[in-house]
Amino acid sequence: MALILTGIKQLLTFRGGALPRAGAAMRDIGLVKNGAVLINDGLICAAGPEKHVMRHPLAKKAVSRPAGGVVMPAFVDSHTHAVFAEPRLKDFSMRLEGASYKEIKAAGGGIVSSLAAVRKQDPRDMAGQLLKRARKFLECGTGTTEVKSGYGLSLASELKMLRAVKAAARKTPLEMIPTLLAAHSVPPEFKGGAGKYLSYAIEEIMPAVAIEELAVFADIFCEKGYFSPAQTARYLRAAKSFGFLPKAHTEQLSNCGGTLAAARAGAISVDHADFINAGDIKALKTSGAIVTLLPASNHYLGIGKYPPVKKIMAAGVPIALATDFNPGTAPCWNMQFVLSLACLRMKMTPEEALTAATINGACALRLGGRLGTLEAGKQADIAVFEADDYRELCYYFGGNLNKLTIKKGKMVYSSKWRVASEE
């Protein structure tokens, strides 16, 4: 039966189709006051002024749900590391005592500590953990996440992580898009041999993941002490040959050429980009890649430098925002907090930040044709916030204003009504 959300104070439609928004277009949120949204069979039938939506043939027989507040597309979180065995509490304490990212790694922390925990974790426990985390995303208004592997770094463990994503995805309404991050770091058994490990990842891990169809994207961490631009290009070329869409972590801690390599390899997105420069931005404009910014990581690490947002926008390169949820540098699943950081630390406007967290996030996952806007024919993924003005989502931080999450037309989280979180 059709459902209609009525009495919406502010409806953010982000109308404009499937393509990512760039420059001034990121400020067009498709704001409608006194709005309504009509849903049927998991899709949006109409979204706009209530008096117009009520004229739709299905509206008369639809179940009416007074929504109030601010209604918009559910967030699309296009960069997470949501599969991990343990929080890095030792790293946290070391960081508070002044240890750097590299010092923590040298002491056996960082990715290496997550690797050891993941390798010994039971697959059922791994999937169970992910299900609990999925609930937290839904509670905060996120309907879709990308989920990376990368804490296994062996054939058996990378497969285990991606199988856990697949198993958990069957039991939660949260849509999880899997990414193979086999080139996250060099595991200890390869003793710093990045080239040798990369060959292993390409020749052993990639084909096995491809055979089981466990990932949509393949990602690599290009940084000094990890993987070089040349290795990044090699890895992403191989990924494409196996049918994976390429992504890359680039310019997080320094500018080492990863963005240029990723852009030339046809990366869908380059993520972090803290040290991106004018040449990188030009290359991204040419390639059509999206820049995914992850300010929660900067905040957690105490890094004062943030990406040059105004220069990126001026060049017409689209920007997405994501949580980077992970145990070491961004233990945050709430996109509302990311919105606040984007505005306060990177001087994005609320409109730009919201666009980056919805339609541009969807496009960073090649899902702009289905997600990220409230338009007829799109999937009914909707978040309803306890607010009078959409800017409150960026103004308030540290809490959760979301009161209702709808996924594929079904209520999957409500602060007022008891709803099933699993199917």
Protein backbone atom coordinates (compact mmCIF):
# COMPACT_ATOMS: atom_id res chain seq x y z
CA MET A 1 0.00 0.00 0.00
CA ALA A 2 1.18 3.51 -0.79
CA LEU A 3 2.51 5.75 1.97
CA ILE A 4 2.44 9.52 2.04
CA LEU A 5 4.54 11.72 4.32
CA THR A 6 2.68 14.98 4.97
CA GLY A 7 3.08 18.22 6.90
CA ILE A 8 6.76 18.51 6.06
CA LYS A 9 8.12 21.89 7.12
CA GLN A 10 11.11 21.72 4.80
CA LEU A 11 11.52 19.11 2.08
CA LEU A 12 14.97 18.84 0.49
CA THR A 13 14.58 17.10 -2.87
CA PHE A 14 18.02 17.76 -4.46
CA ARG A 15 16.14 17.46 -7.74
CA GLY A 16 18.27 17.45 -10.85
CA GLY A 17 18.77 13.85 -11.88
CA ALA A 18 21.57 11.34 -11.57
CA LEU A 19 24.74 13.36 -12.14
CA PRO A 20 26.98 14.72 -9.36
CA ARG A 21 26.72 18.41 -8.50
CA ALA A 22 29.71 20.72 -8.73
CA GLY A 23 30.42 24.38 -8.08
CA ALA A 24 27.36 26.58 -7.59
CA ALA A 25 25.05 23.63 -8.31
CA MET A 26 26.01 22.18 -4.91
CA ARG A 27 23.97 24.95 -3.29
CA ASP A 28 20.72 23.96 -4.99
CA ILE A 29 19.04 21.65 -2.50
CA GLY A 30 15.59 21.72 -4.13
CA LEU A 31 13.96 23.21 -1.03
CA VAL A 32 10.17 22.90 -0.77
CA LYS A 33 8.21 24.31 2.16
CA ASN A 34 5.02 22.59 3.30
CA GLY A 35 5.92 19.50 1.35
CA ALA A 36 4.88 15.87 0.99
CA VAL A 37 6.36 12.65 -0.39
CA LEU A 38 4.31 9.84 -1.90
CA ILE A 39 5.83 6.33 -1.86
CA ASN A 40 4.69 3.11 -3.50
CA ASP A 41 6.43 -0.25 -4.02
CA GLY A 42 9.67 1.10 -2.58
CA LEU A 43 9.86 4.02 -5.01
CA ILE A 44 9.03 7.70 -4.86
CA CYS A 45 5.92 8.53 -6.86
CA ALA A 46 5.89 12.26 -6.14
CA ALA A 47 7.76 14.77 -3.97
CA GLY A 48 7.00 18.47 -3.73
CA PRO A 49 4.40 20.89 -2.37
CA GLU A 50 1.78 18.97 -0.42
CA LYS A 51 -1.13 20.43 -2.39
CA HIS A 52 0.43 19.10 -5.60
CA VAL A 53 1.38 15.67 -4.26
CA MET A 54 -2.14 15.15 -2.89
CA ARG A 55 -3.48 15.36 -6.45
CA HIS A 56 -1.60 12.19 -7.45
CA PRO A 57 -3.99 9.29 -8.20
CA LEU A 58 -2.38 7.13 -5.49
CA ALA A 59 -2.57 9.79 -2.79
CA LYS A 60 -6.26 9.24 -1.90
CA LYS A 61 -5.74 5.61 -0.86
CA ALA A 62 -2.27 6.04 0.64
CA VAL A 63 -1.57 5.62 4.34
CA SER A 64 -0.83 9.10 5.65
CA ARG A 65 2.03 9.65 8.09
CA PRO A 66 2.47 13.20 9.45
CA ALA A 67 6.21 13.80 9.23
CA GLY A 68 6.80 17.43 10.18
CA GLY A 69 10.37 18.59 10.53
CA VAL A 70 12.96 18.38 7.77
CA VAL A 71 12.75 15.55 5.25
CA MET A 72 15.51 14.68 2.79
CA PRO A 73 17.19 11.72 1.09
CA ALA A 74 18.85 9.31 3.49
CA PHE A 75 22.59 9.89 3.67
CA VAL A 76 24.87 7.94 1.36
CA ASP A 77 28.12 7.29 3.22
CA SER A 78 30.56 6.47 0.43
CA HIS A 79 33.68 5.66 2.48
CA THR A 80 33.74 3.42 5.57
CA HIS A 81 35.88 0.67 7.07
CA ALA A 82 32.99 -0.75 9.05
CA VAL A 83 34.36 -4.30 9.30
CA PHE A 84 36.90 -4.56 12.11
CA ALA A 85 37.28 -6.78 15.14
CA GLU A 86 38.29 -4.37 17.93
CA PRO A 87 38.52 -0.66 18.66
CA ARG A 88 42.11 0.63 18.82
CA LEU A 89 42.03 1.84 22.39
CA LYS A 90 45.80 1.48 22.88
CA ASP A 91 46.38 3.68 19.83
CA PHE A 92 43.93 6.19 21.29
CA SER A 93 45.88 6.41 24.53
CA MET A 94 49.21 6.70 22.69
CA ARG A 95 47.85 9.50 20.55
CA LEU A 96 46.72 11.42 23.62
CA GLU A 97 50.27 11.16 24.93
CA GLY A 98 51.63 12.71 21.74
CA ALA A 99 52.52 9.73 19.54
CA SER A 100 52.26 10.32 15.79
CA TYR A 101 50.48 8.14 13.20
CA LYS A 102 53.83 6.67 12.12
CA GLU A 103 55.03 6.13 15.71
CA ILE A 104 51.88 4.21 16.54
CA LYS A 105 52.40 2.04 13.48
CA ALA A 106 56.04 1.39 14.47
CA ALA A 107 54.86 0.28 17.92
CA GLY A 108 52.65 -2.40 16.41
CA GLY A 109 49.49 -0.33 16.39
CA GLY A 110 47.49 1.06 13.53
CA ILE A 111 46.47 -1.20 10.69
CA VAL A 112 48.77 -3.98 11.93
CA SER A 113 46.87 -4.34 15.22
CA SER A 114 43.54 -4.44 13.39
CA LEU A 115 45.00 -7.05 11.05
CA ALA A 116 45.89 -9.41 13.89
CA ALA A 117 42.43 -9.10 15.44
CA VAL A 118 40.60 -9.63 12.15
CA ARG A 119 42.66 -12.66 11.18
CA LYS A 120 41.68 -14.54 14.33
CA GLN A 121 38.03 -13.44 14.49
CA ASP A 122 35.28 -15.96 13.84
CA PRO A 123 33.40 -15.12 10.61
CA ARG A 124 30.02 -15.30 12.36
CA ASP A 125 31.16 -12.85 15.01
CA MET A 126 32.44 -10.54 12.30
CA ALA A 127 29.08 -10.51 10.51
CA GLY A 128 27.27 -10.07 13.84
CA GLN A 129 29.38 -7.04 14.72
CA LEU A 130 28.66 -5.48 11.36
CA LEU A 131 24.93 -5.94 11.87
CA LYS A 132 25.09 -4.02 15.16
CA ARG A 133 27.02 -1.21 13.48
CA ALA A 134 24.52 -1.15 10.62
CA ARG A 135 21.81 -0.30 13.13
CA LYS A 136 23.78 2.74 14.29
CA PHE A 137 24.04 4.06 10.73
CA LEU A 138 20.30 3.66 10.21
CA GLU A 139 19.56 5.43 13.49
CA CYS A 140 21.47 8.49 12.30
CA GLY A 141 19.75 8.71 8.92
CA THR A 142 22.16 6.81 6.68
CA GLY A 143 20.55 4.43 4.20
CA THR A 144 23.58 3.30 2.22
CA THR A 145 27.24 2.76 3.09
CA GLU A 146 30.30 1.61 1.25
CA VAL A 147 32.20 -1.00 3.32
CA LYS A 148 35.87 -1.77 2.69
CA SER A 149 37.96 -4.78 3.49
CA GLY A 150 41.66 -4.13 4.14
CA TYR A 151 42.22 -5.31 7.70
CA GLY A 152 42.96 -8.87 6.59
CA LEU A 153 45.67 -8.45 3.93
CA SER A 154 45.79 -12.18 3.19
CA LEU A 155 43.68 -14.23 0.84
CA ALA A 156 41.79 -15.99 3.62
CA SER A 157 41.18 -12.87 5.71
CA GLU A 158 40.19 -10.54 2.87
CA LEU A 159 37.70 -13.16 1.69
CA LYS A 160 36.43 -13.55 5.25
CA MET A 161 35.81 -9.81 5.56
CA LEU A 162 33.97 -9.49 2.28
CA ARG A 163 31.92 -12.62 2.95
CA ALA A 164 30.94 -11.07 6.29
CA VAL A 165 29.70 -7.97 4.47
CA LYS A 166 27.66 -10.15 2.13
CA ALA A 167 26.22 -12.18 5.02
CA ALA A 168 25.33 -9.10 7.07
CA ALA A 169 23.80 -7.33 4.06
CA ARG A 170 21.19 -10.09 3.82
CA LYS A 171 19.97 -9.33 7.35
CA THR A 172 19.87 -5.53 7.55
CA PRO A 173 17.97 -2.87 5.63
CA LEU A 174 21.19 -0.86 5.42
CA GLU A 175 22.53 -1.12 1.89
CA MET A 176 26.24 -1.99 2.01
CA ILE A 177 28.40 -1.66 -1.10
CA PRO A 178 31.54 -3.82 -0.76
CA THR A 179 35.04 -2.61 -1.67
CA LEU A 180 38.21 -4.67 -1.88
CA LEU A 181 40.98 -2.72 -0.12
CA ALA A 182 43.65 -5.38 -0.42
CA ALA A 183 46.28 -2.65 -0.78
CA HIS A 184 45.64 -0.93 2.56
CA SER A 185 49.13 -1.60 3.93
CA VAL A 186 51.94 -4.13 3.64
CA PRO A 187 51.36 -7.00 6.11
CA PRO A 188 54.22 -7.94 8.48
CA GLU A 189 55.01 -11.25 6.76
CA PHE A 190 56.10 -9.33 3.65
CA LYS A 191 58.57 -7.26 5.72
CA GLY A 192 58.02 -3.98 3.92
CA GLY A 193 58.12 -5.48 0.44
CA ALA A 194 55.33 -3.40 -1.06
CA GLY A 195 55.96 -4.55 -4.62
CA LYS A 196 56.03 -8.21 -3.69
CA TYR A 197 52.87 -7.88 -1.61
CA LEU A 198 51.11 -5.97 -4.38
CA SER A 199 51.83 -8.83 -6.78
CA TYR A 200 50.31 -11.22 -4.25
CA ALA A 201 47.22 -9.01 -3.90
CA ILE A 202 46.77 -8.80 -7.67
CA GLU A 203 47.55 -12.43 -8.48
CA GLU A 204 45.93 -14.20 -5.52
CA ILE A 205 43.39 -11.99 -3.75
CA MET A 206 41.81 -10.11 -6.67
CA PRO A 207 40.87 -13.14 -8.79
CA ALA A 208 39.40 -14.98 -5.81
CA VAL A 209 37.25 -11.99 -4.86
CA ALA A 210 36.18 -11.59 -8.48
CA ILE A 211 35.16 -15.24 -8.80
CA GLU A 212 32.85 -14.95 -5.78
CA GLU A 213 31.65 -11.49 -6.86
CA LEU A 214 32.32 -10.15 -3.38
CA ALA A 215 33.22 -6.55 -4.27
CA VAL A 216 32.10 -3.74 -6.56
CA PHE A 217 35.10 -1.44 -6.07
CA ALA A 218 38.83 -1.89 -5.48
CA ASP A 219 40.77 0.65 -3.42
CA ILE A 220 44.40 1.38 -2.53
CA PHE A 221 46.17 3.58 0.03
CA CYS A 222 48.75 5.66 -1.84
CA GLU A 223 51.10 7.31 0.66
CA LYS A 224 54.76 7.43 1.60
CA GLY A 225 55.60 4.22 3.46
CA TYR A 226 52.61 2.41 1.94
CA PHE A 227 52.12 2.27 -1.85
CA SER A 228 53.65 4.54 -4.50
CA PRO A 229 51.89 6.27 -7.41
CA ALA A 230 53.35 3.71 -9.83
CA GLN A 231 52.08 0.87 -7.66
CA THR A 232 48.72 2.60 -7.39
CA ALA A 233 48.44 2.76 -11.17
CA ARG A 234 49.39 -0.90 -11.45
CA TYR A 235 46.88 -2.00 -8.83
CA LEU A 236 44.01 0.01 -10.29
CA ARG A 237 44.71 -1.22 -13.83
CA ALA A 238 44.59 -4.77 -12.53
CA ALA A 239 41.38 -4.04 -10.62
CA LYS A 240 39.68 -2.84 -13.78
CA SER A 241 40.78 -5.98 -15.61
CA PHE A 242 38.93 -8.05 -12.99
CA GLY A 243 35.81 -5.91 -13.32
CA PHE A 244 36.22 -3.77 -10.20
CA LEU A 245 35.60 -0.02 -10.27
CA PRO A 246 38.73 1.84 -9.08
CA LYS A 247 38.99 4.09 -6.03
CA ALA A 248 41.99 5.42 -4.10
CA HIS A 249 43.02 6.94 -0.79
CA THR A 250 45.28 9.81 -1.85
CA GLU A 251 47.12 12.80 -0.40
CA GLN A 252 46.01 12.18 3.19
CA LEU A 253 49.34 12.77 4.94
CA SER A 254 51.38 14.35 2.14
CA ASN A 255 51.30 15.04 -1.58
CA CYS A 256 52.98 12.06 -3.19
CA GLY A 257 51.30 11.83 -6.58
CA GLY A 258 48.50 9.42 -5.81
CA THR A 259 45.72 11.66 -7.08
CA LEU A 260 47.36 12.03 -10.48
CA ALA A 261 47.90 8.27 -10.72
CA ALA A 262 44.33 7.52 -9.67
CA ALA A 263 42.83 10.09 -12.04
CA ARG A 264 44.80 8.69 -14.97
CA ALA A 265 43.63 5.19 -14.02
CA GLY A 266 39.99 6.30 -14.18
CA ALA A 267 39.22 6.28 -10.46
CA ILE A 268 35.58 6.92 -9.62
CA SER A 269 36.67 8.86 -6.55
CA VAL A 270 39.82 9.94 -4.75
CA ASP A 271 39.36 10.10 -0.98
CA HIS A 272 40.91 12.28 1.76
CA ALA A 273 42.77 14.73 -0.57
CA ASP A 274 44.06 16.84 2.32
CA PHE A 275 47.26 17.77 0.47
CA ILE A 276 45.77 18.00 -3.01
CA ASN A 277 47.26 20.72 -5.25
CA ALA A 278 46.29 22.68 -8.36
CA GLY A 279 47.68 20.05 -10.72
CA ASP A 280 45.74 17.32 -8.96
CA ILE A 281 42.53 19.33 -9.16
CA LYS A 282 43.01 19.92 -12.87
CA ALA A 283 43.54 16.20 -13.45
CA LEU A 284 40.38 15.36 -11.53
CA LYS A 285 38.35 17.84 -13.55
CA THR A 286 39.61 16.18 -16.72
CA SER A 287 38.97 12.64 -15.49
CA GLY A 288 35.53 13.32 -14.01
CA ALA A 289 36.40 11.82 -10.62
CA ILE A 290 34.67 12.86 -7.41
CA VAL A 291 36.70 14.05 -4.40
CA THR A 292 35.45 12.41 -1.20
CA LEU A 293 36.39 14.42 1.88
CA LEU A 294 36.64 12.82 5.32
CA PRO A 295 36.90 15.58 7.94
CA ALA A 296 36.15 13.27 10.88
CA SER A 297 39.56 11.71 10.33
CA ASN A 298 41.30 15.10 10.44
CA HIS A 299 39.37 15.98 13.57
CA TYR A 300 40.24 12.75 15.35
CA LEU A 301 43.92 12.94 14.43
CA GLY A 302 44.14 16.58 15.42
CA ILE A 303 45.27 17.62 11.96
CA GLY A 304 44.79 21.33 11.40
CA LYS A 305 45.08 21.12 7.63
CA TYR A 306 41.94 20.37 5.64
CA PRO A 307 41.44 20.02 1.88
CA PRO A 308 41.21 23.24 -0.20
CA VAL A 309 37.45 23.04 -0.69
CA LYS A 310 37.01 26.43 -2.33
CA LYS A 311 39.65 25.68 -4.96
CA ILE A 312 38.12 22.28 -5.67
CA MET A 313 34.66 23.79 -6.05
CA ALA A 314 35.92 26.68 -8.18
CA ALA A 315 37.41 24.16 -10.61
CA GLY A 316 34.05 22.42 -10.99
CA VAL A 317 35.09 19.16 -9.34
CA PRO A 318 32.23 17.53 -7.38
CA ILE A 319 32.74 16.87 -3.66
CA ALA A 320 31.27 14.07 -1.55
CA LEU A 321 31.38 13.75 2.23
CA ALA A 322 31.73 10.48 4.14
CA THR A 323 32.43 9.37 7.72
CA ASP A 324 35.54 7.23 7.10
CA PHE A 325 34.19 5.15 9.99
CA ASN A 326 37.11 3.00 11.18
CA PRO A 327 38.72 1.91 14.45
CA GLY A 328 41.91 3.93 14.17
CA THR A 329 41.31 7.39 12.77
CA ALA A 330 37.55 8.03 12.59
CA PRO A 331 35.37 6.06 15.03
CA CYS A 332 32.28 7.98 13.89
CA TRP A 333 29.19 6.66 12.10
CA ASN A 334 27.06 9.82 12.33
CA MET A 335 26.97 11.81 9.09
CA GLN A 336 25.37 14.70 10.96
CA PHE A 337 28.65 15.26 12.81
CA VAL A 338 30.50 15.16 9.49
CA LEU A 339 28.19 17.89 8.19
CA SER A 340 29.13 20.10 11.13
CA LEU A 341 32.84 19.50 10.59
CA ALA A 342 32.51 20.26 6.89
CA CYS A 343 30.94 23.62 7.67
CA LEU A 344 33.05 24.59 10.68
CA ARG A 345 36.45 23.32 9.53
CA MET A 346 36.25 23.45 5.73
CA LYS A 347 33.85 26.41 5.44
CA MET A 348 31.37 24.57 3.27
CA THR A 349 27.88 26.02 3.34
CA PRO A 350 25.12 23.85 4.80
CA GLU A 351 23.70 23.43 1.31
CA GLU A 352 27.04 22.27 -0.10
CA ALA A 353 27.60 19.86 2.77
CA LEU A 354 24.15 18.31 2.45
CA THR A 355 24.56 17.88 -1.28
CA ALA A 356 27.94 16.22 -0.69
CA ALA A 357 26.39 13.78 1.80
CA THR A 358 23.49 12.73 -0.45
CA ILE A 359 23.52 12.87 -4.25
CA ASN A 360 27.30 13.29 -4.56
CA GLY A 361 27.88 10.42 -2.15
CA ALA A 362 25.56 8.33 -4.29
CA CYS A 363 27.49 9.28 -7.41
CA ALA A 364 30.77 8.33 -5.71
CA LEU A 365 29.27 4.82 -5.57
CA ARG A 366 27.83 4.99 -9.10
CA LEU A 367 24.32 5.00 -7.60
CA GLY A 368 23.18 8.49 -8.58
CA GLY A 369 20.50 7.06 -10.84
CA ARG A 370 18.81 5.34 -7.91
CA LEU A 371 19.76 7.21 -4.71
CA GLY A 372 20.55 10.67 -3.38
CA THR A 373 17.50 12.72 -4.46
CA LEU A 374 13.77 12.70 -3.80
CA GLU A 375 12.35 12.52 -7.31
CA ALA A 376 9.74 10.33 -8.97
CA GLY A 377 11.22 6.96 -9.89
CA LYS A 378 14.05 7.09 -7.37
CA GLN A 379 14.34 4.59 -4.53
CA ALA A 380 12.44 5.73 -1.44
CA ASP A 381 15.40 6.16 0.94
CA ILE A 382 14.38 8.98 3.26
CA ALA A 383 15.43 10.53 6.57
CA VAL A 384 13.12 12.67 8.72
CA PHE A 385 14.77 15.06 11.17
CA GLU A 386 13.43 16.74 14.29
CA ALA A 387 14.23 20.25 13.09
CA ASP A 388 12.51 23.38 11.84
CA ASP A 389 15.30 24.40 9.48
CA TYR A 390 17.69 22.17 7.48
CA ARG A 391 20.67 24.22 8.68
CA GLU A 392 20.15 22.77 12.14
CA LEU A 393 21.64 19.51 10.86
CA CYS A 394 24.96 21.32 10.45
CA TYR A 395 24.57 23.72 13.39
CA TYR A 396 24.02 21.17 16.15
CA PHE A 397 26.65 18.51 16.70
CA GLY A 398 27.26 15.60 19.04
CA GLY A 399 23.71 14.32 18.93
CA ASN A 400 21.20 12.75 16.59
CA LEU A 401 18.30 14.75 15.16
CA ASN A 402 17.03 11.89 13.00
CA LYS A 403 13.65 10.54 14.08
CA LEU A 404 12.72 8.29 11.16
CA THR A 405 14.64 6.40 8.48
CA ILE A 406 12.86 4.86 5.49
CA LYS A 407 14.68 2.37 3.27
CA LYS A 408 13.12 1.18 0.03
CA GLY A 409 9.80 2.55 1.23
CA LYS A 410 9.82 0.77 4.60
CA MET A 411 10.32 2.29 8.02
CA VAL A 412 13.56 0.77 9.32
CA TYR A 413 14.25 3.09 12.25
CA SER A 414 11.97 5.29 14.29
CA SER A 415 12.53 7.13 17.55
CA LYS A 416 8.77 7.00 18.18
CA TRP A 417 7.49 3.74 16.69
CA ARG A 418 8.85 0.26 17.13
CA VAL A 419 9.91 -1.04 13.70
CA ALA A 420 11.80 -4.10 12.51
CA SER A 421 15.46 -3.38 11.81
CA GLU A 422 16.05 -6.67 10.04
CA GLU A 423 14.36 -8.41 7.17
